[in-house]
């Protein structure tokens, strides 16, 4: 399952996100979205987890948690709409 992580501290690294989500199960990938020009974080990321039940547990456990210096918003990722 793909998970959206928003309101992310701009200084958080992919490894920190992976560690937070790994407490709930197997993390397949972590991708912090960056600006193409400045390479600076845009403040959100996507985390892919192998097991849907683990992903739901991570969403429940980490929504509103502090990662870095900010409380994050964690939801199931939705397809991009036009």
PDB file of N, CA and C in Angstrom:
ATOM      1  N   UNK A   1       0.851  -1.186   0.000  1.00  0.00           N
ATOM      2  CA  UNK A   1       0.000   0.000   0.000  1.00  0.00           C
ATOM      3  C   UNK A   1       0.890   1.241   0.000  1.00  0.00           C
ATOM      4  N   UNK A   2       0.482   2.232  -0.747  1.00  0.00           N
ATOM      5  CA  UNK A   2       1.213   3.490  -0.821  1.00  0.00           C
ATOM      6  C   UNK A   2       0.605   4.478   0.177  1.00  0.00           C
ATOM      7  N   UNK A   3       1.455   5.136   0.950  1.00  0.00           N
ATOM      8  CA  UNK A   3       1.020   6.034   2.020  1.00  0.00           C
ATOM      9  C   UNK A   3       1.539   7.444   1.750  1.00  0.00           C
ATOM     10  N   UNK A   4       0.660   8.427   1.921  1.00  0.00           N
ATOM     11  CA  UNK A   4       1.018   9.841   1.800  1.00  0.00           C
ATOM     12  C   UNK A   4       1.409  10.361   3.182  1.00  0.00           C
ATOM     13  N   UNK A   5       2.534  11.073   3.252  1.00  0.00           N
ATOM     14  CA  UNK A   5       2.980  11.708   4.494  1.00  0.00           C
ATOM     15  C   UNK A   5       3.112  13.199   4.210  1.00  0.00           C
ATOM     16  N   UNK A   6       2.280  14.011   4.856  1.00  0.00           N
ATOM     17  CA  UNK A   6       2.279  15.449   4.627  1.00  0.00           C
ATOM     18  C   UNK A   6       2.688  16.234   5.853  1.00  0.00           C
ATOM     19  N   UNK A   7       2.851  17.531   5.673  1.00  0.00           N
ATOM     20  CA  UNK A   7       3.278  18.446   6.732  1.00  0.00           C
ATOM     21  C   UNK A   7       4.634  18.013   7.287  1.00  0.00           C
ATOM     22  N   UNK A   8       5.479  17.571   6.388  1.00  0.00           N
ATOM     23  CA  UNK A   8       6.775  17.007   6.744  1.00  0.00           C
ATOM     24  C   UNK A   8       7.812  18.106   6.960  1.00  0.00           C
ATOM     25  N   UNK A   9       8.589  17.966   8.019  1.00  0.00           N
ATOM     26  CA  UNK A   9       9.703  18.874   8.292  1.00  0.00           C
ATOM     27  C   UNK A   9      10.644  18.833   7.084  1.00  0.00           C
ATOM     28  N   UNK A  10      11.042  19.990   6.588  1.00  0.00           N
ATOM     29  CA  UNK A  10      11.890  20.064   5.395  1.00  0.00           C
ATOM     30  C   UNK A  10      13.261  19.413   5.587  1.00  0.00           C
ATOM     31  N   UNK A  11      13.685  19.219   6.829  1.00  0.00           N
ATOM     32  CA  UNK A  11      15.001  18.639   7.100  1.00  0.00           C
ATOM     33  C   UNK A  11      14.971  17.126   7.293  1.00  0.00           C
ATOM     34  N   UNK A  12      13.787  16.527   7.316  1.00  0.00           N
ATOM     35  CA  UNK A  12      13.669  15.082   7.504  1.00  0.00           C
ATOM     36  C   UNK A  12      14.242  14.362   6.286  1.00  0.00           C
ATOM     37  N   UNK A  13      14.986  13.308   6.547  1.00  0.00           N
ATOM     38  CA  UNK A  13      15.593  12.497   5.490  1.00  0.00           C
ATOM     39  C   UNK A  13      14.798  11.202   5.307  1.00  0.00           C
ATOM     40  N   UNK A  14      14.970  10.570   4.154  1.00  0.00           N
ATOM     41  CA  UNK A  14      14.258   9.327   3.854  1.00  0.00           C
ATOM     42  C   UNK A  14      14.530   8.249   4.897  1.00  0.00           C
ATOM     43  N   UNK A  15      15.752   8.184   5.401  1.00  0.00           N
ATOM     44  CA  UNK A  15      16.115   7.181   6.403  1.00  0.00           C
ATOM     45  C   UNK A  15      15.280   7.348   7.680  1.00  0.00           C
ATOM     46  N   UNK A  16      15.020   8.590   8.092  1.00  0.00           N
ATOM     47  CA  UNK A  16      14.208   8.839   9.285  1.00  0.00           C
ATOM     48  C   UNK A  16      12.782   8.344   9.082  1.00  0.00           C
ATOM     49  N   UNK A  17      12.224   8.598   7.920  1.00  0.00           N
ATOM     50  CA  UNK A  17      10.874   8.120   7.619  1.00  0.00           C
ATOM     51  C   UNK A  17      10.840   6.598   7.595  1.00  0.00           C
ATOM     52  N   UNK A  18      11.835   6.005   6.971  1.00  0.00           N
ATOM     53  CA  UNK A  18      11.887   4.546   6.902  1.00  0.00           C
ATOM     54  C   UNK A  18      11.930   3.938   8.300  1.00  0.00           C
ATOM     55  N   UNK A  19      12.718   4.525   9.194  1.00  0.00           N
ATOM     56  CA  UNK A  19      12.801   4.017  10.565  1.00  0.00           C
ATOM     57  C   UNK A  19      11.458   4.122  11.275  1.00  0.00           C
ATOM     58  N   UNK A  20      10.763   5.232  11.107  1.00  0.00           N
ATOM     59  CA  UNK A  20       9.467   5.426  11.763  1.00  0.00           C
ATOM     60  C   UNK A  20       8.445   4.402  11.268  1.00  0.00           C
ATOM     61  N   UNK A  21       8.396   4.178   9.966  1.00  0.00           N
ATOM     62  CA  UNK A  21       7.408   3.261   9.398  1.00  0.00           C
ATOM     63  C   UNK A  21       7.799   1.799   9.586  1.00  0.00           C
ATOM     64  N   UNK A  22       9.092   1.506   9.668  1.00  0.00           N
ATOM     65  CA  UNK A  22       9.555   0.127   9.842  1.00  0.00           C
ATOM     66  C   UNK A  22       9.084  -0.471  11.166  1.00  0.00           C
ATOM     67  N   UNK A  23       8.743   0.362  12.129  1.00  0.00           N
ATOM     68  CA  UNK A  23       8.218  -0.134  13.405  1.00  0.00           C
ATOM     69  C   UNK A  23       6.875  -0.840  13.207  1.00  0.00           C
ATOM     70  N   UNK A  24       6.232  -0.610  12.061  1.00  0.00           N
ATOM     71  CA  UNK A  24       4.915  -1.192  11.790  1.00  0.00           C
ATOM     72  C   UNK A  24       4.954  -2.322  10.766  1.00  0.00           C
ATOM     73  N   UNK A  25       6.081  -2.506  10.098  1.00  0.00           N
ATOM     74  CA  UNK A  25       6.182  -3.575   9.107  1.00  0.00           C
ATOM     75  C   UNK A  25       7.250  -3.287   8.065  1.00  0.00           C
ATOM     76  N   UNK A  26       7.241  -4.094   7.019  1.00  0.00           N
ATOM     77  CA  UNK A  26       8.255  -4.030   5.965  1.00  0.00           C
ATOM     78  C   UNK A  26       8.007  -2.842   5.035  1.00  0.00           C
ATOM     79  N   UNK A  27       8.991  -1.936   4.979  1.00  0.00           N
ATOM     80  CA  UNK A  27       8.915  -0.755   4.115  1.00  0.00           C
ATOM     81  C   UNK A  27       9.575  -1.095   2.777  1.00  0.00           C
ATOM     82  N   UNK A  28       8.819  -0.942   1.704  1.00  0.00           N
ATOM     83  CA  UNK A  28       9.320  -1.245   0.364  1.00  0.00           C
ATOM     84  C   UNK A  28      10.107  -0.076  -0.217  1.00  0.00           C
ATOM     85  N   UNK A  29       9.582   1.151  -0.038  1.00  0.00           N
ATOM     86  CA  UNK A  29      10.277   2.331  -0.554  1.00  0.00           C
ATOM     87  C   UNK A  29       9.825   3.587   0.180  1.00  0.00           C
ATOM     88  N   UNK A  30      10.699   4.594   0.154  1.00  0.00           N
ATOM     89  CA  UNK A  30      10.409   5.911   0.731  1.00  0.00           C
ATOM     90  C   UNK A  30      10.866   6.942  -0.292  1.00  0.00           C
ATOM     91  N   UNK A  31       9.986   7.903  -0.586  1.00  0.00           N
ATOM     92  CA  UNK A  31      10.349   8.935  -1.562  1.00  0.00           C
ATOM     93  C   UNK A  31       9.868  10.294  -1.069  1.00  0.00           C
ATOM     94  N   UNK A  32      10.820  11.153  -0.698  1.00  0.00           N
ATOM     95  CA  UNK A  32      10.491  12.529  -0.330  1.00  0.00           C
ATOM     96  C   UNK A  32      10.460  13.336  -1.624  1.00  0.00           C
ATOM     97  N   UNK A  33       9.379  14.065  -1.836  1.00  0.00           N
ATOM     98  CA  UNK A  33       9.220  14.840  -3.067  1.00  0.00           C
ATOM     99  C   UNK A  33       9.995  16.152  -2.936  1.00  0.00           C
ATOM    100  N   UNK A  34      10.830  16.426  -3.940  1.00  0.00           N
ATOM    101  CA  UNK A  34      11.672  17.622  -3.906  1.00  0.00           C
ATOM    102  C   UNK A  34      11.389  18.520  -5.108  1.00  0.00           C
ATOM    103  N   UNK A  35      11.714  19.785  -4.953  1.00  0.00           N
ATOM    104  CA  UNK A  35      11.609  20.758  -6.033  1.00  0.00           C
ATOM    105  C   UNK A  35      12.667  20.414  -7.080  1.00  0.00           C
ATOM    106  N   UNK A  36      12.289  20.410  -8.345  1.00  0.00           N
ATOM    107  CA  UNK A  36      13.215  20.029  -9.411  1.00  0.00           C
ATOM    108  C   UNK A  36      14.381  20.993  -9.560  1.00  0.00           C
ATOM    109  N   UNK A  37      14.171  22.257  -9.262  1.00  0.00           N
ATOM    110  CA  UNK A  37      15.218  23.264  -9.436  1.00  0.00           C
ATOM    111  C   UNK A  37      16.106  23.356  -8.199  1.00  0.00           C
ATOM    112  N   UNK A  38      15.492  23.550  -7.033  1.00  0.00           N
ATOM    113  CA  UNK A  38      16.272  23.771  -5.810  1.00  0.00           C
ATOM    114  C   UNK A  38      16.668  22.478  -5.104  1.00  0.00           C
ATOM    115  N   UNK A  39      16.011  21.370  -5.455  1.00  0.00           N
ATOM    116  CA  UNK A  39      16.233  20.070  -4.809  1.00  0.00           C
ATOM    117  C   UNK A  39      15.825  20.070  -3.336  1.00  0.00           C
ATOM    118  N   UNK A  40      15.090  21.098  -2.927  1.00  0.00           N
ATOM    119  CA  UNK A  40      14.621  21.211  -1.541  1.00  0.00           C
ATOM    120  C   UNK A  40      13.313  20.433  -1.383  1.00  0.00           C
ATOM    121  N   UNK A  41      13.131  19.829  -0.218  1.00  0.00           N
ATOM    122  CA  UNK A  41      11.910  19.082   0.064  1.00  0.00           C
ATOM    123  C   UNK A  41      10.683  19.969  -0.097  1.00  0.00           C
ATOM    124  N   UNK A  42       9.619  19.400  -0.648  1.00  0.00           N
ATOM    125  CA  UNK A  42       8.351  20.124  -0.770  1.00  0.00           C
ATOM    126  C   UNK A  42       7.468  19.902   0.459  1.00  0.00           C
ATOM    127  N   UNK A  43       7.944  19.111   1.414  1.00  0.00           N
ATOM    128  CA  UNK A  43       7.203  18.914   2.657  1.00  0.00           C
ATOM    129  C   UNK A  43       6.231  17.750   2.643  1.00  0.00           C
ATOM    130  N   UNK A  44       6.383  16.862   1.651  1.00  0.00           N
ATOM    131  CA  UNK A  44       5.567  15.649   1.678  1.00  0.00           C
ATOM    132  C   UNK A  44       6.331  14.492   1.050  1.00  0.00           C
ATOM    133  N   UNK A  45       5.852  13.284   1.346  1.00  0.00           N
ATOM    134  CA  UNK A  45       6.549  12.087   0.891  1.00  0.00           C
ATOM    135  C   UNK A  45       5.549  10.963   0.657  1.00  0.00           C
ATOM    136  N   UNK A  46       6.040   9.906   0.033  1.00  0.00           N
ATOM    137  CA  UNK A  46       5.257   8.692  -0.155  1.00  0.00           C
ATOM    138  C   UNK A  46       6.064   7.521   0.384  1.00  0.00           C
ATOM    139  N   UNK A  47       5.391   6.690   1.167  1.00  0.00           N
ATOM    140  CA  UNK A  47       6.016   5.498   1.735  1.00  0.00           C
ATOM    141  C   UNK A  47       5.221   4.297   1.242  1.00  0.00           C
ATOM    142  N   UNK A  48       5.910   3.321   0.695  1.00  0.00           N
ATOM    143  CA  UNK A  48       5.270   2.094   0.216  1.00  0.00           C
ATOM    144  C   UNK A  48       5.568   0.990   1.220  1.00  0.00           C
ATOM    145  N   UNK A  49       4.502   0.312   1.661  1.00  0.00           N
ATOM    146  CA  UNK A  49       4.663  -0.811   2.585  1.00  0.00           C
ATOM    147  C   UNK A  49       4.167  -2.081   1.911  1.00  0.00           C
ATOM    148  N   UNK A  50       4.837  -3.197   2.197  1.00  0.00           N
ATOM    149  CA  UNK A  50       4.544  -4.464   1.538  1.00  0.00           C
ATOM    150  C   UNK A  50       3.181  -5.027   1.919  1.00  0.00           C
ATOM    151  N   UNK A  51       2.766  -4.831   3.151  1.00  0.00           N
ATOM    152  CA  UNK A  51       1.542  -5.443   3.664  1.00  0.00           C
ATOM    153  C   UNK A  51       0.500  -4.371   3.974  1.00  0.00           C
ATOM    154  N   UNK A  52      -0.705  -4.531   3.456  1.00  0.00           N
ATOM    155  CA  UNK A  52      -1.764  -3.530   3.662  1.00  0.00           C
ATOM    156  C   UNK A  52      -2.156  -3.375   5.129  1.00  0.00           C
ATOM    157  N   UNK A  53      -2.188  -4.473   5.876  1.00  0.00           N
ATOM    158  CA  UNK A  53      -2.537  -4.390   7.301  1.00  0.00           C
ATOM    159  C   UNK A  53      -1.485  -3.599   8.075  1.00  0.00           C
ATOM    160  N   UNK A  54      -0.208  -3.832   7.757  1.00  0.00           N
ATOM    161  CA  UNK A  54       0.877  -3.076   8.394  1.00  0.00           C
ATOM    162  C   UNK A  54       0.774  -1.600   8.024  1.00  0.00           C
ATOM    163  N   UNK A  55       0.434  -1.330   6.772  1.00  0.00           N
ATOM    164  CA  UNK A  55       0.300   0.054   6.306  1.00  0.00           C
ATOM    165  C   UNK A  55      -0.824   0.765   7.057  1.00  0.00           C
ATOM    166  N   UNK A  56      -1.951   0.081   7.236  1.00  0.00           N
ATOM    167  CA  UNK A  56      -3.066   0.684   7.981  1.00  0.00           C
ATOM    168  C   UNK A  56      -2.670   0.960   9.431  1.00  0.00           C
ATOM    169  N   UNK A  57      -1.911   0.033  10.022  1.00  0.00           N
ATOM    170  CA  UNK A  57      -1.434   0.228  11.398  1.00  0.00           C
ATOM    171  C   UNK A  57      -0.496   1.427  11.469  1.00  0.00           C
ATOM    172  N   UNK A  58       0.359   1.593  10.464  1.00  0.00           N
ATOM    173  CA  UNK A  58       1.282   2.730  10.418  1.00  0.00           C
ATOM    174  C   UNK A  58       0.517   4.039  10.271  1.00  0.00           C
ATOM    175  N   UNK A  59      -0.506   4.045   9.429  1.00  0.00           N
ATOM    176  CA  UNK A  59      -1.324   5.248   9.242  1.00  0.00           C
ATOM    177  C   UNK A  59      -1.966   5.636  10.566  1.00  0.00           C
ATOM    178  N   UNK A  60      -2.550   4.650  11.236  1.00  0.00           N
ATOM    179  CA  UNK A  60      -3.208   4.904  12.515  1.00  0.00           C
ATOM    180  C   UNK A  60      -2.211   5.349  13.585  1.00  0.00           C
ATOM    181  N   UNK A  61      -1.047   4.708  13.606  1.00  0.00           N
ATOM    182  CA  UNK A  61      -0.062   4.994  14.641  1.00  0.00           C
ATOM    183  C   UNK A  61       0.729   6.273  14.434  1.00  0.00           C
ATOM    184  N   UNK A  62       0.941   6.661  13.183  1.00  0.00           N
ATOM    185  CA  UNK A  62       1.811   7.806  12.906  1.00  0.00           C
ATOM    186  C   UNK A  62       1.075   9.095  12.540  1.00  0.00           C
ATOM    187  N   UNK A  63      -0.221   9.014  12.233  1.00  0.00           N
ATOM    188  CA  UNK A  63      -0.975  10.235  11.922  1.00  0.00           C
ATOM    189  C   UNK A  63      -0.986  11.131  13.161  1.00  0.00           C
ATOM    190  N   UNK A  64      -0.454  12.327  13.024  1.00  0.00           N
ATOM    191  CA  UNK A  64      -0.378  13.262  14.148  1.00  0.00           C
ATOM    192  C   UNK A  64       0.879  13.114  14.982  1.00  0.00           C
ATOM    193  N   UNK A  65       1.712  12.125  14.661  1.00  0.00           N
ATOM    194  CA  UNK A  65       2.970  11.931  15.396  1.00  0.00           C
ATOM    195  C   UNK A  65       3.989  12.984  14.959  1.00  0.00           C
ATOM    196  N   UNK A  66       4.983  13.209  15.791  1.00  0.00           N
ATOM    197  CA  UNK A  66       6.043  14.154  15.458  1.00  0.00           C
ATOM    198  C   UNK A  66       7.208  13.401  14.825  1.00  0.00           C
ATOM    199  N   UNK A  67       7.551  13.802  13.615  1.00  0.00           N
ATOM    200  CA  UNK A  67       8.734  13.289  12.924  1.00  0.00           C
ATOM    201  C   UNK A  67       9.544  14.519  12.558  1.00  0.00           C
ATOM    202  N   UNK A  68      10.782  14.564  13.026  1.00  0.00           N
ATOM    203  CA  UNK A  68      11.554  15.798  12.906  1.00  0.00           C
ATOM    204  C   UNK A  68      10.998  16.767  13.927  1.00  0.00           C
ATOM    205  N   UNK A  69      10.616  17.939  13.494  1.00  0.00           N
ATOM    206  CA  UNK A  69      10.064  18.945  14.407  1.00  0.00           C
ATOM    207  C   UNK A  69       8.611  19.289  14.102  1.00  0.00           C
ATOM    208  N   UNK A  70       7.921  18.426  13.350  1.00  0.00           N
ATOM    209  CA  UNK A  70       6.534  18.732  12.975  1.00  0.00           C
ATOM    210  C   UNK A  70       5.636  17.519  13.149  1.00  0.00           C
ATOM    211  N   UNK A  71       4.365  17.802  13.414  1.00  0.00           N
ATOM    212  CA  UNK A  71       3.366  16.743  13.440  1.00  0.00           C
ATOM    213  C   UNK A  71       2.989  16.436  12.001  1.00  0.00           C
ATOM    214  N   UNK A  72       3.035  15.175  11.639  1.00  0.00           N
ATOM    215  CA  UNK A  72       2.776  14.790  10.258  1.00  0.00           C
ATOM    216  C   UNK A  72       1.334  14.339  10.046  1.00  0.00           C
ATOM    217  N   UNK A  73       0.897  14.473   8.818  1.00  0.00           N
ATOM    218  CA  UNK A  73      -0.399  13.977   8.367  1.00  0.00           C
ATOM    219  C   UNK A  73      -0.106  12.703   7.584  1.00  0.00           C
ATOM    220  N   UNK A  74      -0.730  11.602   7.975  1.00  0.00           N
ATOM    221  CA  UNK A  74      -0.468  10.323   7.321  1.00  0.00           C
ATOM    222  C   UNK A  74      -1.799   9.727   6.858  1.00  0.00           C
ATOM    223  N   UNK A  75      -1.904   9.491   5.554  1.00  0.00           N
ATOM    224  CA  UNK A  75      -3.122   8.930   4.960  1.00  0.00           C
ATOM    225  C   UNK A  75      -2.760   7.949   3.857  1.00  0.00           C
ATOM    226  N   UNK A  76      -3.732   7.123   3.492  1.00  0.00           N
ATOM    227  CA  UNK A  76      -3.545   6.269   2.330  1.00  0.00           C
ATOM    228  C   UNK A  76      -3.443   7.179   1.106  1.00  0.00           C
ATOM    229  N   UNK A  77      -2.474   6.908   0.261  1.00  0.00           N
ATOM    230  CA  UNK A  77      -2.276   7.714  -0.944  1.00  0.00           C
ATOM    231  C   UNK A  77      -3.431   7.496  -1.910  1.00  0.00           C
ATOM    232  N   UNK A  78      -3.864   8.573  -2.540  1.00  0.00           N
ATOM    233  CA  UNK A  78      -4.938   8.505  -3.538  1.00  0.00           C
ATOM    234  C   UNK A  78      -4.347   8.815  -4.906  1.00  0.00           C
ATOM    235  N   UNK A  79      -4.924   8.233  -5.954  1.00  0.00           N
ATOM    236  CA  UNK A  79      -4.424   8.537  -7.308  1.00  0.00           C
ATOM    237  C   UNK A  79      -4.527  10.029  -7.607  1.00  0.00           C
ATOM    238  N   UNK A  80      -3.573  10.523  -8.367  1.00  0.00           N
ATOM    239  CA  UNK A  80      -3.554  11.929  -8.757  1.00  0.00           C
ATOM    240  C   UNK A  80      -4.761  12.237  -9.634  1.00  0.00           C
ATOM    241  N   UNK A  81      -5.473  13.323  -9.307  1.00  0.00           N
ATOM    242  CA  UNK A  81      -6.628  13.711 -10.126  1.00  0.00           C
ATOM    243  C   UNK A  81      -6.248  14.891 -11.009  1.00  0.00           C
ATOM    244  N   UNK A  82      -6.908  15.004 -12.149  1.00  0.00           N
ATOM    245  CA  UNK A  82      -6.575  16.074 -13.103  1.00  0.00           C
ATOM    246  C   UNK A  82      -7.105  17.362 -12.651  1.00  0.00           C
TER     247      UNK A  82
END
